[in-house]
Amino acid sequence: MKCLLYLLLLFTVTNSNAQLLDNSKCAVFTDEPFFSNQFIKTNGIREIKGVISTKASLKVIEQRNLVNTYIFDKDGLLSKQYRSFNGSTKKDTTVVNYVYNNQKQLIVQRTNDSYGFFSNNYTYNSDNLITSKTYCRDENSNRNKNNFKLAKQHVIVKESFSYDKTDSTLSKHTYNNQGKKYQTITTHYNEHQLVSKIVKKLIINKRKSITKFEYNDKGFVSKKTYFPNYNKTENTSTTFKYDELGNLEYIDEYKNDKHITHKEIIYNKSTLLMKALLIQDIETNYIKIIKYSYSYW
């Protein structure tokens, strides 16, 4: 039975969307959902669990008894993310919960911190654009942060958005609690309708920042460069490399052209499932190793 199940899984994976990771927003391995919903749903993945170990330069690998875990619903949407870490006195866990509406739009992203829980809550218009973002502090009705139940929600900040659109740009205007516009973010598209740059402008001090994007021959993001000050050269950049099927393999991070971090994603070649993630600090050669296992619906 196990052998048959494996063969069925192998057939399904190799005949569906080949990319487990969706790097279209350059948000892999962040709090944002970054897995391909279609890949997760088609292959019936319920949980991806990553076990963490580390290796210092000239040292042996050490097991850390820490995990990164991703849990999905039956539609392939990321519903929960766990990240354990060593706190000042004991091991602790960050939990991120995701709630979606019937259109599969993310409407709540809730995270715990040292004070309890906070959440970002979203509404959308008919064009699938965010019309409001509300930051709240949320009370849990029980003491189990892994099983959050909302008791009371305290609205702290509510921002709203309006949009202007042309053939090659989309401008997003941000309004504060008093309904005053304080920021405009303009996304520019190239002739292939891929994002070429994003310009953020603050209304009061007129300060601008810019993010530029480059693409490979298959239309995948190959480089993202962020200039915090529009008129200066200081920048941070990230380069991305993919295999022949479009699976993300390497991520390299730079600050003013100095190589800071190298990330390598290793796949199981027979199933195209992510097998491990290696994160190397270039200066110290300290490496974090995350090995992944899967469970299914």
Protein backbone atom coordinates (compact mmCIF):
# COMPACT_ATOMS: atom_id res chain seq x y z
CA MET A 1 0.00 0.00 0.00
CA LYS A 2 2.78 2.47 0.89
CA CYS A 3 4.55 1.69 -2.39
CA LEU A 4 1.34 2.31 -4.36
CA LEU A 5 0.76 5.58 -2.50
CA TYR A 6 4.29 6.72 -3.33
CA LEU A 7 3.83 5.89 -7.02
CA LEU A 8 0.57 7.81 -7.11
CA LEU A 9 2.25 10.79 -5.45
CA LEU A 10 5.15 10.66 -7.88
CA PHE A 11 2.79 10.60 -10.89
CA THR A 12 0.77 13.51 -9.53
CA VAL A 13 3.74 15.72 -8.70
CA THR A 14 5.55 15.26 -11.99
CA ASN A 15 2.39 15.98 -14.00
CA SER A 16 1.22 19.13 -12.21
CA ASN A 17 2.55 22.65 -11.77
CA ALA A 18 6.25 21.95 -11.22
CA GLN A 19 6.97 24.82 -8.83
CA LEU A 20 6.31 24.20 -5.15
CA LEU A 21 7.59 27.69 -4.29
CA ASP A 22 5.91 30.76 -5.77
CA ASN A 23 8.57 33.48 -6.02
CA SER A 24 6.49 35.93 -8.08
CA LYS A 25 6.40 38.37 -5.12
CA CYS A 26 9.99 37.68 -3.97
CA ALA A 27 8.58 36.63 -0.59
CA VAL A 28 9.83 33.06 -0.18
CA PHE A 29 10.59 32.03 3.42
CA THR A 30 8.86 35.09 4.90
CA ASP A 31 5.60 35.46 6.85
CA GLU A 32 3.75 35.97 3.56
CA PRO A 33 2.19 32.90 1.89
CA PHE A 34 4.75 31.79 -0.71
CA PHE A 35 3.78 28.26 -1.73
CA SER A 36 1.96 27.45 -4.96
CA ASN A 37 -1.66 26.85 -3.93
CA GLN A 38 -2.24 24.69 -6.98
CA PHE A 39 0.82 22.51 -6.32
CA ILE A 40 -0.14 22.02 -2.66
CA LYS A 41 -3.78 21.23 -3.50
CA THR A 42 -3.06 18.91 -6.43
CA ASN A 43 -0.64 16.84 -4.38
CA GLY A 44 -2.79 16.80 -1.22
CA ILE A 45 -0.08 18.24 1.02
CA ARG A 46 -1.33 18.93 4.54
CA GLU A 47 1.88 19.81 6.36
CA ILE A 48 5.51 20.60 5.61
CA LYS A 49 7.75 20.26 8.65
CA GLY A 50 11.31 21.56 8.67
CA VAL A 51 13.75 20.38 11.35
CA ILE A 52 16.60 22.80 12.03
CA SER A 53 20.27 22.10 12.64
CA THR A 54 23.31 24.36 12.39
CA LYS A 55 26.97 24.16 11.47
CA ALA A 56 29.58 26.71 12.52
CA SER A 57 32.81 27.01 10.57
CA LEU A 58 35.09 23.99 11.19
CA LYS A 59 32.51 22.50 13.58
CA VAL A 60 30.25 19.46 13.35
CA ILE A 61 26.52 19.78 12.64
CA GLU A 62 24.44 20.44 15.77
CA GLN A 63 20.77 19.50 16.19
CA ARG A 64 18.81 22.47 17.58
CA ASN A 65 15.49 20.81 18.43
CA LEU A 66 13.78 23.64 16.52
CA VAL A 67 11.25 23.44 13.70
CA ASN A 68 9.63 25.49 10.94
CA THR A 69 6.20 24.06 10.12
CA TYR A 70 3.65 25.02 7.45
CA ILE A 71 0.05 23.76 7.58
CA PHE A 72 -2.35 23.93 4.61
CA ASP A 73 -6.09 23.52 4.10
CA LYS A 74 -7.60 21.26 1.45
CA ASP A 75 -7.65 24.12 -1.07
CA GLY A 76 -3.86 24.35 -0.84
CA LEU A 77 -3.92 27.63 1.11
CA LEU A 78 -1.41 28.22 3.90
CA SER A 79 -3.46 28.28 7.10
CA LYS A 80 -0.76 28.30 9.79
CA GLN A 81 2.98 28.68 10.19
CA TYR A 82 5.06 27.75 13.25
CA ARG A 83 8.63 28.89 13.90
CA SER A 84 10.35 27.76 17.09
CA PHE A 85 13.38 29.60 18.40
CA ASN A 86 15.58 29.83 21.49
CA GLY A 87 14.41 32.74 23.62
CA SER A 88 16.35 34.41 26.41
CA THR A 89 15.35 31.75 28.94
CA LYS A 90 13.63 28.93 27.01
CA LYS A 91 12.49 27.72 23.64
CA ASP A 92 9.56 29.71 22.24
CA THR A 93 7.36 29.63 19.15
CA THR A 94 6.06 32.24 16.74
CA VAL A 95 2.66 31.29 15.30
CA VAL A 96 1.23 32.96 12.19
CA ASN A 97 -2.42 32.26 11.32
CA TYR A 98 -4.00 32.99 7.94
CA VAL A 99 -7.73 33.46 7.26
CA TYR A 100 -9.27 33.69 3.77
CA ASN A 101 -12.65 34.68 2.36
CA ASN A 102 -14.71 32.68 -0.14
CA GLN A 103 -12.69 34.20 -3.00
CA LYS A 104 -9.50 32.80 -1.40
CA GLN A 105 -8.28 36.31 -0.61
CA LEU A 106 -6.23 36.73 2.56
CA ILE A 107 -8.37 38.74 4.99
CA VAL A 108 -6.56 38.15 8.31
CA GLN A 109 -2.90 37.50 9.10
CA ARG A 110 -2.44 37.06 12.85
CA THR A 111 0.87 36.68 14.69
CA ASN A 112 1.89 36.37 18.33
CA ASP A 113 4.54 38.45 20.04
CA SER A 114 5.71 38.94 23.64
CA TYR A 115 2.54 40.92 24.42
CA GLY A 116 -0.06 38.59 22.91
CA PHE A 117 -1.42 38.66 19.36
CA PHE A 118 -1.61 41.29 16.64
CA SER A 119 -3.30 41.04 13.26
CA ASN A 120 -3.50 42.76 9.90
CA ASN A 121 -7.02 42.66 8.47
CA TYR A 122 -7.77 43.33 4.79
CA THR A 123 -10.73 44.22 2.56
CA TYR A 124 -10.78 44.11 -1.25
CA ASN A 125 -12.58 45.66 -4.19
CA SER A 126 -13.95 43.92 -7.28
CA ASP A 127 -10.54 44.19 -8.98
CA ASN A 128 -8.93 42.11 -6.19
CA LEU A 129 -7.09 45.20 -4.89
CA ILE A 130 -6.78 45.88 -1.16
CA THR A 131 -9.05 48.76 -0.09
CA SER A 132 -8.23 48.78 3.64
CA LYS A 133 -5.69 47.41 6.10
CA THR A 134 -6.49 47.41 9.80
CA TYR A 135 -3.88 46.71 12.46
CA CYS A 136 -5.40 45.23 15.62
CA ARG A 137 -4.37 43.80 18.96
CA ASP A 138 -6.30 40.55 19.49
CA GLU A 139 -7.21 38.84 22.73
CA ASN A 140 -7.07 35.05 22.84
CA SER A 141 -9.95 33.41 24.72
CA ASN A 142 -7.63 30.65 25.94
CA ARG A 143 -3.99 30.31 26.94
CA ASN A 144 -3.07 28.04 24.06
CA LYS A 145 -1.48 30.24 21.41
CA ASN A 146 -1.40 27.29 19.02
CA ASN A 147 -5.21 27.22 19.03
CA PHE A 148 -6.20 30.88 18.88
CA LYS A 149 -9.85 31.80 19.55
CA LEU A 150 -10.73 35.48 19.24
CA ALA A 151 -12.21 36.96 22.42
CA LYS A 152 -11.94 40.67 21.66
CA GLN A 153 -10.29 42.73 18.95
CA HIS A 154 -8.89 46.22 19.54
CA VAL A 155 -8.54 48.38 16.43
CA ILE A 156 -5.30 50.39 16.58
CA VAL A 157 -4.66 51.73 13.07
CA LYS A 158 -6.85 51.63 9.98
CA GLU A 159 -5.51 52.68 6.61
CA SER A 160 -7.47 52.88 3.37
CA PHE A 161 -6.36 52.82 -0.26
CA SER A 162 -7.45 54.18 -3.62
CA TYR A 163 -6.00 53.47 -7.05
CA ASP A 164 -5.21 55.13 -10.38
CA LYS A 165 -4.44 52.94 -13.36
CA THR A 166 -2.92 53.49 -16.79
CA ASP A 167 -1.76 51.03 -19.44
CA SER A 168 1.67 50.73 -17.82
CA THR A 169 1.25 51.87 -14.20
CA LEU A 170 -0.85 51.25 -11.10
CA SER A 171 -0.70 53.90 -8.38
CA LYS A 172 -1.82 53.01 -4.87
CA HIS A 173 -2.65 55.96 -2.59
CA THR A 174 -2.54 55.37 1.18
CA TYR A 175 -4.71 57.32 3.65
CA ASN A 176 -4.22 57.48 7.42
CA ASN A 177 -6.79 57.24 10.22
CA GLN A 178 -7.92 60.80 9.52
CA GLY A 179 -8.42 60.10 5.82
CA LYS A 180 -5.36 62.14 4.82
CA LYS A 181 -3.22 60.83 1.97
CA TYR A 182 0.38 60.39 3.08
CA GLN A 183 1.92 57.97 0.58
CA THR A 184 1.72 56.87 -3.04
CA ILE A 185 3.19 53.64 -4.37
CA THR A 186 3.38 53.43 -8.17
CA THR A 187 4.01 50.07 -9.83
CA HIS A 188 5.42 50.25 -13.36
CA TYR A 189 4.96 47.41 -15.86
CA ASN A 190 7.08 46.60 -18.91
CA GLU A 191 5.83 45.58 -22.35
CA HIS A 192 5.34 42.00 -21.10
CA GLN A 193 3.16 43.20 -18.20
CA LEU A 194 5.86 42.24 -15.70
CA VAL A 195 6.67 44.63 -12.85
CA SER A 196 9.76 46.64 -13.81
CA LYS A 197 9.92 48.96 -10.80
CA ILE A 198 7.97 50.15 -7.77
CA VAL A 199 8.35 53.76 -6.64
CA LYS A 200 7.23 54.73 -3.12
CA LYS A 201 6.76 58.43 -2.39
CA LEU A 202 5.93 60.06 0.94
CA ILE A 203 3.72 63.12 0.46
CA ILE A 204 4.95 65.32 3.33
CA ASN A 205 8.74 65.13 2.95
CA LYS A 206 8.69 64.02 -0.71
CA ARG A 207 11.16 61.24 0.08
CA LYS A 208 11.17 58.47 -2.51
CA SER A 209 12.46 54.92 -2.60
CA ILE A 210 12.58 52.57 -5.56
CA THR A 211 12.61 48.81 -6.10
CA LYS A 212 13.74 47.48 -9.48
CA PHE A 213 13.17 44.01 -10.94
CA GLU A 214 14.94 41.94 -13.59
CA TYR A 215 13.74 38.68 -15.19
CA ASN A 216 15.19 35.60 -16.86
CA ASP A 217 14.18 34.22 -20.26
CA LYS A 218 11.22 32.34 -18.77
CA GLY A 219 9.79 35.40 -17.03
CA PHE A 220 10.88 34.50 -13.49
CA VAL A 221 12.31 37.25 -11.26
CA SER A 222 16.11 37.02 -11.44
CA LYS A 223 17.02 40.12 -9.43
CA LYS A 224 15.35 42.54 -7.05
CA THR A 225 17.19 45.73 -6.03
CA TYR A 226 15.95 48.16 -3.39
CA PHE A 227 17.21 51.75 -3.15
CA PRO A 228 15.92 53.30 0.12
CA ASN A 229 16.81 56.77 -1.14
CA TYR A 230 15.82 57.40 -4.76
CA ASN A 231 18.78 59.66 -5.54
CA LYS A 232 21.54 57.67 -3.83
CA THR A 233 23.40 54.49 -4.75
CA GLU A 234 23.07 52.65 -1.42
CA ASN A 235 21.04 49.51 -2.00
CA THR A 236 20.20 45.98 -1.01
CA SER A 237 19.69 43.37 -3.69
CA THR A 238 18.65 39.75 -4.04
CA THR A 239 19.36 37.47 -6.97
CA PHE A 240 17.39 34.32 -7.79
CA LYS A 241 18.38 31.30 -9.87
CA TYR A 242 16.10 28.49 -11.07
CA ASP A 243 16.47 25.02 -12.55
CA GLU A 244 15.25 24.08 -16.01
CA LEU A 245 11.71 23.46 -14.69
CA GLY A 246 11.49 26.85 -12.98
CA ASN A 247 12.08 25.59 -9.44
CA LEU A 248 13.85 28.21 -7.31
CA GLU A 249 17.32 26.88 -6.39
CA TYR A 250 19.53 29.74 -5.18
CA ILE A 251 18.93 33.03 -3.38
CA ASP A 252 21.84 35.43 -2.84
CA GLU A 253 21.51 38.60 -0.79
CA TYR A 254 23.79 41.62 -1.10
CA LYS A 255 24.25 44.99 0.58
CA ASN A 256 25.94 47.59 -1.63
CA ASP A 257 27.34 44.69 -3.72
CA LYS A 258 28.77 42.93 -0.65
CA HIS A 259 27.61 39.32 -0.53
CA ILE A 260 25.78 38.78 2.78
CA THR A 261 23.76 35.56 2.61
CA HIS A 262 23.52 32.53 0.34
CA LYS A 263 20.47 30.26 0.38
CA GLU A 264 20.30 26.95 -1.45
CA ILE A 265 17.12 24.93 -1.91
CA ILE A 266 17.58 21.21 -2.47
CA TYR A 267 14.82 19.15 -4.09
CA ASN A 268 14.02 15.47 -4.17
CA LYS A 269 14.63 14.85 -7.86
CA SER A 270 12.06 12.03 -8.04
CA THR A 271 9.16 14.07 -6.62
CA LEU A 272 10.28 17.72 -7.00
CA LEU A 273 9.42 18.27 -3.34
CA MET A 274 11.67 20.57 -1.36
CA LYS A 275 14.11 18.40 0.59
CA ALA A 276 16.22 20.95 2.45
CA LEU A 277 17.12 24.61 2.76
CA LEU A 278 20.70 25.73 3.46
CA ILE A 279 21.26 29.29 4.70
CA GLN A 280 24.88 30.45 4.79
CA ASP A 281 26.18 33.61 6.41
CA ILE A 282 29.00 34.54 4.03
CA GLU A 283 31.17 36.43 6.51
CA THR A 284 31.18 33.78 9.28
CA ASN A 285 30.41 30.68 7.16
CA TYR A 286 27.72 29.81 9.73
CA ILE A 287 25.12 27.55 8.09
CA LYS A 288 21.55 26.81 9.08
CA ILE A 289 20.18 23.54 7.70
CA ILE A 290 16.43 22.87 7.50
CA LYS A 291 15.37 19.36 6.44
CA TYR A 292 11.76 18.95 5.35
CA SER A 293 9.24 16.11 5.66
CA TYR A 294 5.62 15.95 4.42
CA SER A 295 2.22 14.69 5.53
CA TYR A 296 -0.87 14.46 3.35
CA TRP A 297 -4.64 14.72 3.48
